Amino acid sequence: MTPENTYNSLYVQSGTVLLVLRIGLLLLGAWRWRLLTDELRIFWYYLLASFGSNLLEQGFIWSVNNQTDFWLPYLEKYKIGDTNFLSILPRLLDYIFLGPFYARLLTGQLANWIRWTSIALIFTAIGVYIWIDGFRSFGAVNALMNRVYLIVLPLLHLWLIYRSLPALSLWKNSYFLISLGLLTANIFSFYLSLFGHKLNETDGIRFLQLSLLRNAFVLISLGLYACAFYQVRYVRFITKTA
């Protein structure tokens, strides 16, 4: 087995592990549902929708591989050679769910700014997808815009929590754990969003190595989300940040 095949196999296995953990995380959230606040329920729905988006992509790949004759005319007509055309879905889910999630956690003008910025980004992302990046491309503009959004929001929230000097331990603060998890999952993915596509074309092994490292960060983030759902009994002691 070549090194590239080895890393590709490891990458597939890591994806399977993450899939199982995502299911476990959703079950944990469902088990704690009665204790979840409206904000945490929004985040649970976000995880569910993201999981569904991933299943849709995997289902499309399976269908194309097993029903090639049906799909081939459409793939040739629209010149589709991969699943990049589906990349818009998880990005829209980020704006649709995380915008309201953080707008409810914060107060005043900042909450309104997050709410309206997220709405604007939904329409901007669709426009970029159609007229700038193109639906066949992973999309440099949309990728950059999305990763900045996924880094700025949790980073802003973490800073506000730190500034408020909360009496409750941060490790018992479900919202802190979620923001830390989002930041952990996306700060490294920011690099891959910018340079991953070109790196995959020039150095496949390095790309797979970095993708495995990214999955390790995602694994940590899933652990933080699980802790957030498990620690939900402390949420009643948390006040909104300004």
C-alpha atoms as a PDB file:
ATOM      1  CA  MET A   1       0.000   0.000   0.000  1.00  0.00           C
ATOM      2  CA  THR A   2       1.362   3.402  -1.000  1.00  0.00           C
ATOM      3  CA  PRO A   3       1.696   6.190   1.603  1.00  0.00           C
ATOM      4  CA  GLU A   4      -1.147   8.088  -0.063  1.00  0.00           C
ATOM      5  CA  ASN A   5      -3.428   5.043   0.130  1.00  0.00           C
ATOM      6  CA  THR A   6      -2.489   4.598   3.799  1.00  0.00           C
ATOM      7  CA  TYR A   7      -3.325   8.189   4.661  1.00  0.00           C
ATOM      8  CA  ASN A   8      -6.503   8.038   2.605  1.00  0.00           C
ATOM      9  CA  SER A   9      -7.580   4.930   4.512  1.00  0.00           C
ATOM     10  CA  LEU A  10      -6.839   6.666   7.829  1.00  0.00           C
ATOM     11  CA  TYR A  11      -8.805   9.694   6.694  1.00  0.00           C
ATOM     12  CA  VAL A  12     -11.829   7.556   5.811  1.00  0.00           C
ATOM     13  CA  GLN A  13     -11.597   5.752   9.155  1.00  0.00           C
ATOM     14  CA  SER A  14     -11.372   9.039  11.047  1.00  0.00           C
ATOM     15  CA  GLY A  15     -14.462  10.234   9.196  1.00  0.00           C
ATOM     16  CA  THR A  16     -16.323   7.112  10.294  1.00  0.00           C
ATOM     17  CA  VAL A  17     -15.285   7.705  13.915  1.00  0.00           C
ATOM     18  CA  LEU A  18     -16.501  11.315  13.737  1.00  0.00           C
ATOM     19  CA  LEU A  19     -19.792  10.158  12.211  1.00  0.00           C
ATOM     20  CA  VAL A  20     -20.409   7.760  15.105  1.00  0.00           C
ATOM     21  CA  LEU A  21     -19.487  10.451  17.640  1.00  0.00           C
ATOM     22  CA  ARG A  22     -21.845  12.949  15.996  1.00  0.00           C
ATOM     23  CA  ILE A  23     -24.681  10.452  16.364  1.00  0.00           C
ATOM     24  CA  GLY A  24     -23.737   9.923  20.017  1.00  0.00           C
ATOM     25  CA  LEU A  25     -23.661  13.693  20.560  1.00  0.00           C
ATOM     26  CA  LEU A  26     -27.149  14.104  19.093  1.00  0.00           C
ATOM     27  CA  LEU A  27     -28.427  11.288  21.310  1.00  0.00           C
ATOM     28  CA  LEU A  28     -26.835  12.926  24.356  1.00  0.00           C
ATOM     29  CA  GLY A  29     -28.537  16.222  23.528  1.00  0.00           C
ATOM     30  CA  ALA A  30     -31.855  14.432  23.031  1.00  0.00           C
ATOM     31  CA  TRP A  31     -31.410  12.681  26.397  1.00  0.00           C
ATOM     32  CA  ARG A  32     -30.839  16.040  28.130  1.00  0.00           C
ATOM     33  CA  TRP A  33     -33.549  17.766  26.074  1.00  0.00           C
ATOM     34  CA  ARG A  34     -35.787  18.638  29.022  1.00  0.00           C
ATOM     35  CA  LEU A  35     -32.961  20.661  30.590  1.00  0.00           C
ATOM     36  CA  LEU A  36     -31.828  22.396  27.411  1.00  0.00           C
ATOM     37  CA  THR A  37     -32.480  26.129  27.087  1.00  0.00           C
ATOM     38  CA  ASP A  38     -33.893  27.566  23.864  1.00  0.00           C
ATOM     39  CA  GLU A  39     -30.345  28.551  22.873  1.00  0.00           C
ATOM     40  CA  LEU A  40     -29.003  25.049  23.415  1.00  0.00           C
ATOM     41  CA  ARG A  41     -31.917  23.587  21.475  1.00  0.00           C
ATOM     42  CA  ILE A  42     -31.040  25.865  18.558  1.00  0.00           C
ATOM     43  CA  PHE A  43     -27.495  24.533  18.719  1.00  0.00           C
ATOM     44  CA  TRP A  44     -28.769  20.937  18.851  1.00  0.00           C
ATOM     45  CA  TYR A  45     -30.875  21.571  15.754  1.00  0.00           C
ATOM     46  CA  TYR A  46     -27.761  23.044  14.128  1.00  0.00           C
ATOM     47  CA  LEU A  47     -25.841  19.842  14.846  1.00  0.00           C
ATOM     48  CA  LEU A  48     -28.737  17.784  13.497  1.00  0.00           C
ATOM     49  CA  ALA A  49     -29.008  19.858  10.310  1.00  0.00           C
ATOM     50  CA  SER A  50     -25.231  19.686   9.778  1.00  0.00           C
ATOM     51  CA  PHE A  51     -25.366  15.920  10.253  1.00  0.00           C
ATOM     52  CA  GLY A  52     -28.181  15.722   7.707  1.00  0.00           C
ATOM     53  CA  SER A  53     -26.155  17.815   5.248  1.00  0.00           C
ATOM     54  CA  ASN A  54     -23.236  15.411   5.599  1.00  0.00           C
ATOM     55  CA  LEU A  55     -25.529  12.420   5.073  1.00  0.00           C
ATOM     56  CA  LEU A  56     -26.922  14.064   1.940  1.00  0.00           C
ATOM     57  CA  GLU A  57     -23.418  14.402   0.506  1.00  0.00           C
ATOM     58  CA  GLN A  58     -22.520  10.813   1.360  1.00  0.00           C
ATOM     59  CA  GLY A  59     -25.836   9.630  -0.041  1.00  0.00           C
ATOM     60  CA  PHE A  60     -25.191  11.475  -3.298  1.00  0.00           C
ATOM     61  CA  ILE A  61     -21.744   9.866  -3.620  1.00  0.00           C
ATOM     62  CA  TRP A  62     -23.220   6.427  -2.949  1.00  0.00           C
ATOM     63  CA  SER A  63     -26.021   7.000  -5.469  1.00  0.00           C
ATOM     64  CA  VAL A  64     -23.654   8.172  -8.202  1.00  0.00           C
ATOM     65  CA  ASN A  65     -21.365   5.181  -7.641  1.00  0.00           C
ATOM     66  CA  ASN A  66     -24.238   2.705  -7.703  1.00  0.00           C
ATOM     67  CA  GLN A  67     -26.577   4.369 -10.217  1.00  0.00           C
ATOM     68  CA  THR A  68     -24.048   5.895 -12.591  1.00  0.00           C
ATOM     69  CA  ASP A  69     -26.193   5.473 -15.699  1.00  0.00           C
ATOM     70  CA  PHE A  70     -28.971   7.546 -14.152  1.00  0.00           C
ATOM     71  CA  TRP A  71     -26.723  10.379 -12.978  1.00  0.00           C
ATOM     72  CA  LEU A  72     -24.243  10.537 -15.880  1.00  0.00           C
ATOM     73  CA  PRO A  73     -26.362  12.689 -18.244  1.00  0.00           C
ATOM     74  CA  TYR A  74     -26.934  15.281 -15.497  1.00  0.00           C
ATOM     75  CA  LEU A  75     -23.290  15.260 -14.404  1.00  0.00           C
ATOM     76  CA  GLU A  76     -22.150  15.793 -17.986  1.00  0.00           C
ATOM     77  CA  LYS A  77     -24.777  18.465 -18.691  1.00  0.00           C
ATOM     78  CA  TYR A  78     -23.820  20.566 -15.666  1.00  0.00           C
ATOM     79  CA  LYS A  79     -20.119  19.545 -15.761  1.00  0.00           C
ATOM     80  CA  ILE A  80     -20.137  18.224 -12.200  1.00  0.00           C
ATOM     81  CA  GLY A  81     -17.147  16.092 -11.214  1.00  0.00           C
ATOM     82  CA  ASP A  82     -17.310  16.241  -7.418  1.00  0.00           C
ATOM     83  CA  THR A  83     -19.521  17.349  -4.521  1.00  0.00           C
ATOM     84  CA  ASN A  84     -18.374  20.982  -4.448  1.00  0.00           C
ATOM     85  CA  PHE A  85     -21.828  22.088  -5.594  1.00  0.00           C
ATOM     86  CA  LEU A  86     -23.160  20.951  -2.201  1.00  0.00           C
ATOM     87  CA  SER A  87     -20.696  23.097  -0.232  1.00  0.00           C
ATOM     88  CA  ILE A  88     -23.238  25.920  -0.014  1.00  0.00           C
ATOM     89  CA  LEU A  89     -25.529  23.866   2.255  1.00  0.00           C
ATOM     90  CA  PRO A  90     -23.371  23.657   5.425  1.00  0.00           C
ATOM     91  CA  ARG A  91     -22.396  27.316   5.004  1.00  0.00           C
ATOM     92  CA  LEU A  92     -26.014  28.414   4.902  1.00  0.00           C
ATOM     93  CA  LEU A  93     -26.731  26.269   7.956  1.00  0.00           C
ATOM     94  CA  ASP A  94     -23.978  28.114   9.836  1.00  0.00           C
ATOM     95  CA  TYR A  95     -25.664  31.460   9.191  1.00  0.00           C
ATOM     96  CA  ILE A  96     -29.206  30.182   9.721  1.00  0.00           C
ATOM     97  CA  PHE A  97     -28.542  28.560  13.117  1.00  0.00           C
ATOM     98  CA  LEU A  98     -25.477  30.180  14.665  1.00  0.00           C
ATOM     99  CA  GLY A  99     -26.710  33.708  14.003  1.00  0.00           C
ATOM    100  CA  PRO A 100     -29.840  33.255  16.163  1.00  0.00           C
ATOM    101  CA  PHE A 101     -27.851  31.201  18.682  1.00  0.00           C
ATOM    102  CA  TYR A 102     -25.381  34.007  19.393  1.00  0.00           C
ATOM    103  CA  ALA A 103     -27.978  36.770  18.998  1.00  0.00           C
ATOM    104  CA  ARG A 104     -29.919  35.171  21.870  1.00  0.00           C
ATOM    105  CA  LEU A 105     -26.800  34.788  24.021  1.00  0.00           C
ATOM    106  CA  LEU A 106     -25.868  38.457  23.706  1.00  0.00           C
ATOM    107  CA  THR A 107     -27.828  41.638  24.315  1.00  0.00           C
ATOM    108  CA  GLY A 108     -28.393  45.100  22.867  1.00  0.00           C
ATOM    109  CA  GLN A 109     -26.922  46.390  19.633  1.00  0.00           C
ATOM    110  CA  LEU A 110     -24.407  43.556  19.403  1.00  0.00           C
ATOM    111  CA  ALA A 111     -27.195  40.979  19.312  1.00  0.00           C
ATOM    112  CA  ASN A 112     -28.980  42.958  16.577  1.00  0.00           C
ATOM    113  CA  TRP A 113     -25.749  43.288  14.612  1.00  0.00           C
ATOM    114  CA  ILE A 114     -25.197  39.529  14.702  1.00  0.00           C
ATOM    115  CA  ARG A 115     -28.797  38.818  13.729  1.00  0.00           C
ATOM    116  CA  TRP A 116     -28.848  41.127  10.701  1.00  0.00           C
ATOM    117  CA  THR A 117     -25.306  40.308   9.619  1.00  0.00           C
ATOM    118  CA  SER A 118     -26.193  36.605   9.574  1.00  0.00           C
ATOM    119  CA  ILE A 119     -29.293  37.284   7.467  1.00  0.00           C
ATOM    120  CA  ALA A 120     -27.241  39.389   5.046  1.00  0.00           C
ATOM    121  CA  LEU A 121     -24.629  36.646   4.793  1.00  0.00           C
ATOM    122  CA  ILE A 122     -27.269  34.104   3.764  1.00  0.00           C
ATOM    123  CA  PHE A 123     -28.156  36.128   0.661  1.00  0.00           C
ATOM    124  CA  THR A 124     -24.530  37.118   0.043  1.00  0.00           C
ATOM    125  CA  ALA A 125     -23.408  33.492   0.152  1.00  0.00           C
ATOM    126  CA  ILE A 126     -26.076  32.487  -2.364  1.00  0.00           C
ATOM    127  CA  GLY A 127     -25.067  35.338  -4.683  1.00  0.00           C
ATOM    128  CA  VAL A 128     -21.376  34.444  -4.433  1.00  0.00           C
ATOM    129  CA  TYR A 129     -22.223  30.776  -5.038  1.00  0.00           C
ATOM    130  CA  ILE A 130     -24.088  31.624  -8.260  1.00  0.00           C
ATOM    131  CA  TRP A 131     -22.167  34.533  -9.761  1.00  0.00           C
ATOM    132  CA  ILE A 132     -18.653  34.681  -8.278  1.00  0.00           C
ATOM    133  CA  ASP A 133     -17.327  31.336  -7.027  1.00  0.00           C
ATOM    134  CA  GLY A 134     -19.592  29.267  -9.240  1.00  0.00           C
ATOM    135  CA  PHE A 135     -21.484  26.183  -8.104  1.00  0.00           C
ATOM    136  CA  ARG A 136     -18.856  23.773  -9.453  1.00  0.00           C
ATOM    137  CA  SER A 137     -16.109  25.251  -7.260  1.00  0.00           C
ATOM    138  CA  PHE A 138     -15.482  24.814  -3.533  1.00  0.00           C
ATOM    139  CA  GLY A 139     -15.424  28.593  -3.546  1.00  0.00           C
ATOM    140  CA  ALA A 140     -12.588  30.807  -2.320  1.00  0.00           C
ATOM    141  CA  VAL A 141     -14.782  33.809  -1.440  1.00  0.00           C
ATOM    142  CA  ASN A 142     -17.511  31.835   0.295  1.00  0.00           C
ATOM    143  CA  ALA A 143     -14.965  29.656   2.092  1.00  0.00           C
ATOM    144  CA  LEU A 144     -13.115  32.690   3.456  1.00  0.00           C
ATOM    145  CA  MET A 145     -16.317  34.501   4.427  1.00  0.00           C
ATOM    146  CA  ASN A 146     -17.684  31.429   6.193  1.00  0.00           C
ATOM    147  CA  ARG A 147     -14.522  30.635   8.175  1.00  0.00           C
ATOM    148  CA  VAL A 148     -14.139  34.252   9.307  1.00  0.00           C
ATOM    149  CA  TYR A 149     -17.745  34.137  10.521  1.00  0.00           C
ATOM    150  CA  LEU A 150     -17.147  30.843  12.364  1.00  0.00           C
ATOM    151  CA  ILE A 151     -14.074  32.268  14.081  1.00  0.00           C
ATOM    152  CA  VAL A 152     -15.233  35.814  14.866  1.00  0.00           C
ATOM    153  CA  LEU A 153     -18.544  34.872  16.535  1.00  0.00           C
ATOM    154  CA  PRO A 154     -17.191  32.364  19.090  1.00  0.00           C
ATOM    155  CA  LEU A 155     -14.072  34.478  19.652  1.00  0.00           C
ATOM    156  CA  LEU A 156     -16.227  37.534  20.373  1.00  0.00           C
ATOM    157  CA  HIS A 157     -18.397  35.528  22.757  1.00  0.00           C
ATOM    158  CA  LEU A 158     -15.370  34.070  24.577  1.00  0.00           C
ATOM    159  CA  TRP A 159     -13.894  37.549  24.995  1.00  0.00           C
ATOM    160  CA  LEU A 160     -17.152  38.901  26.429  1.00  0.00           C
ATOM    161  CA  ILE A 161     -17.368  35.991  28.865  1.00  0.00           C
ATOM    162  CA  TYR A 162     -13.784  36.596  29.958  1.00  0.00           C
ATOM    163  CA  ARG A 163     -14.451  40.322  30.392  1.00  0.00           C
ATOM    164  CA  SER A 164     -17.535  39.691  32.536  1.00  0.00           C
ATOM    165  CA  LEU A 165     -15.506  37.678  35.097  1.00  0.00           C
ATOM    166  CA  PRO A 166     -18.243  35.071  35.706  1.00  0.00           C
ATOM    167  CA  ALA A 167     -18.530  33.429  39.121  1.00  0.00           C
ATOM    168  CA  LEU A 168     -19.403  30.070  37.546  1.00  0.00           C
ATOM    169  CA  SER A 169     -16.445  27.978  36.407  1.00  0.00           C
ATOM    170  CA  LEU A 170     -15.995  28.269  32.657  1.00  0.00           C
ATOM    171  CA  TRP A 171     -15.846  24.474  32.378  1.00  0.00           C
ATOM    172  CA  LYS A 172     -19.398  24.345  33.742  1.00  0.00           C
ATOM    173  CA  ASN A 173     -20.597  27.023  31.311  1.00  0.00           C
ATOM    174  CA  SER A 174     -22.260  25.235  28.377  1.00  0.00           C
ATOM    175  CA  TYR A 175     -22.117  28.321  26.164  1.00  0.00           C
ATOM    176  CA  PHE A 176     -18.402  28.796  26.817  1.00  0.00           C
ATOM    177  CA  LEU A 177     -17.781  25.141  25.919  1.00  0.00           C
ATOM    178  CA  ILE A 178     -19.723  25.476  22.654  1.00  0.00           C
ATOM    179  CA  SER A 179     -17.851  28.645  21.628  1.00  0.00           C
ATOM    180  CA  LEU A 180     -14.542  27.017  22.480  1.00  0.00           C
ATOM    181  CA  GLY A 181     -15.566  23.974  20.463  1.00  0.00           C
ATOM    182  CA  LEU A 182     -16.520  26.062  17.435  1.00  0.00           C
ATOM    183  CA  LEU A 183     -13.261  27.967  17.620  1.00  0.00           C
ATOM    184  CA  THR A 184     -11.255  24.747  17.983  1.00  0.00           C
ATOM    185  CA  ALA A 185     -12.973  23.137  14.989  1.00  0.00           C
ATOM    186  CA  ASN A 186     -12.650  26.128  12.679  1.00  0.00           C
ATOM    187  CA  ILE A 187      -9.425  27.961  13.444  1.00  0.00           C
ATOM    188  CA  PHE A 188      -7.325  25.232  11.816  1.00  0.00           C
ATOM    189  CA  SER A 189      -9.888  24.627   9.069  1.00  0.00           C
ATOM    190  CA  PHE A 190      -9.393  28.282   8.113  1.00  0.00           C
ATOM    191  CA  TYR A 191      -6.014  27.349   6.612  1.00  0.00           C
ATOM    192  CA  LEU A 192      -7.438  24.427   4.653  1.00  0.00           C
ATOM    193  CA  SER A 193     -10.285  26.577   3.362  1.00  0.00           C
ATOM    194  CA  LEU A 194      -7.765  28.996   1.870  1.00  0.00           C
ATOM    195  CA  PHE A 195      -5.092  26.634   0.593  1.00  0.00           C
ATOM    196  CA  GLY A 196      -6.499  23.105   0.843  1.00  0.00           C
ATOM    197  CA  HIS A 197      -7.828  22.819  -2.713  1.00  0.00           C
ATOM    198  CA  LYS A 198      -4.531  23.834  -4.305  1.00  0.00           C
ATOM    199  CA  LEU A 199      -2.535  21.725  -1.842  1.00  0.00           C
ATOM    200  CA  ASN A 200      -4.663  18.705  -2.758  1.00  0.00           C
ATOM    201  CA  GLU A 201      -3.662  19.210  -6.392  1.00  0.00           C
ATOM    202  CA  THR A 202       0.071  19.637  -5.704  1.00  0.00           C
ATOM    203  CA  ASP A 203       0.747  17.468  -2.629  1.00  0.00           C
ATOM    204  CA  GLY A 204      -1.975  14.930  -1.915  1.00  0.00           C
ATOM    205  CA  ILE A 205      -0.166  13.307   1.018  1.00  0.00           C
ATOM    206  CA  ARG A 206       0.372  16.616   2.824  1.00  0.00           C
ATOM    207  CA  PHE A 207      -3.267  17.504   2.242  1.00  0.00           C
ATOM    208  CA  LEU A 208      -4.395  14.202   3.782  1.00  0.00           C
ATOM    209  CA  GLN A 209      -2.055  14.722   6.749  1.00  0.00           C
ATOM    210  CA  LEU A 210      -3.503  18.167   7.395  1.00  0.00           C
ATOM    211  CA  SER A 211      -7.026  16.824   6.933  1.00  0.00           C
ATOM    212  CA  LEU A 212      -6.331  14.181   9.586  1.00  0.00           C
ATOM    213  CA  LEU A 213      -5.055  16.908  11.898  1.00  0.00           C
ATOM    214  CA  ARG A 214      -8.203  18.917  11.230  1.00  0.00           C
ATOM    215  CA  ASN A 215     -10.324  15.881  12.115  1.00  0.00           C
ATOM    216  CA  ALA A 216      -8.403  15.629  15.393  1.00  0.00           C
ATOM    217  CA  PHE A 217      -9.446  19.212  16.196  1.00  0.00           C
ATOM    218  CA  VAL A 218     -13.028  18.386  15.216  1.00  0.00           C
ATOM    219  CA  LEU A 219     -12.867  15.426  17.604  1.00  0.00           C
ATOM    220  CA  ILE A 220     -11.891  17.796  20.426  1.00  0.00           C
ATOM    221  CA  SER A 221     -14.744  20.122  19.519  1.00  0.00           C
ATOM    222  CA  LEU A 222     -17.261  17.259  19.635  1.00  0.00           C
ATOM    223  CA  GLY A 223     -15.981  16.415  23.108  1.00  0.00           C
ATOM    224  CA  LEU A 224     -16.550  20.027  24.173  1.00  0.00           C
ATOM    225  CA  TYR A 225     -20.099  19.978  22.775  1.00  0.00           C
ATOM    226  CA  ALA A 226     -20.770  16.756  24.675  1.00  0.00           C
ATOM    227  CA  CYS A 227     -19.557  18.413  27.883  1.00  0.00           C
ATOM    228  CA  ALA A 228     -21.840  21.375  27.126  1.00  0.00           C
ATOM    229  CA  PHE A 229     -24.894  19.121  26.964  1.00  0.00           C
ATOM    230  CA  TYR A 230     -23.800  17.137  29.998  1.00  0.00           C
ATOM    231  CA  GLN A 231     -23.202  20.285  32.081  1.00  0.00           C
ATOM    232  CA  VAL A 232     -26.552  21.792  31.126  1.00  0.00           C
ATOM    233  CA  ARG A 233     -27.792  21.741  34.748  1.00  0.00           C
ATOM    234  CA  TYR A 234     -25.577  24.767  35.449  1.00  0.00           C
ATOM    235  CA  VAL A 235     -27.080  26.903  32.672  1.00  0.00           C
ATOM    236  CA  ARG A 236     -29.586  28.516  35.032  1.00  0.00           C
ATOM    237  CA  PHE A 237     -26.673  30.280  36.764  1.00  0.00           C
ATOM    238  CA  ILE A 238     -25.461  31.911  33.545  1.00  0.00           C
ATOM    239  CA  THR A 239     -26.409  35.463  32.662  1.00  0.00           C
ATOM    240  CA  LYS A 240     -26.348  36.952  29.177  1.00  0.00           C
ATOM    241  CA  THR A 241     -23.272  38.932  28.165  1.00  0.00           C
ATOM    242  CA  ALA A 242     -23.493  42.456  26.810  1.00  0.00           C
END
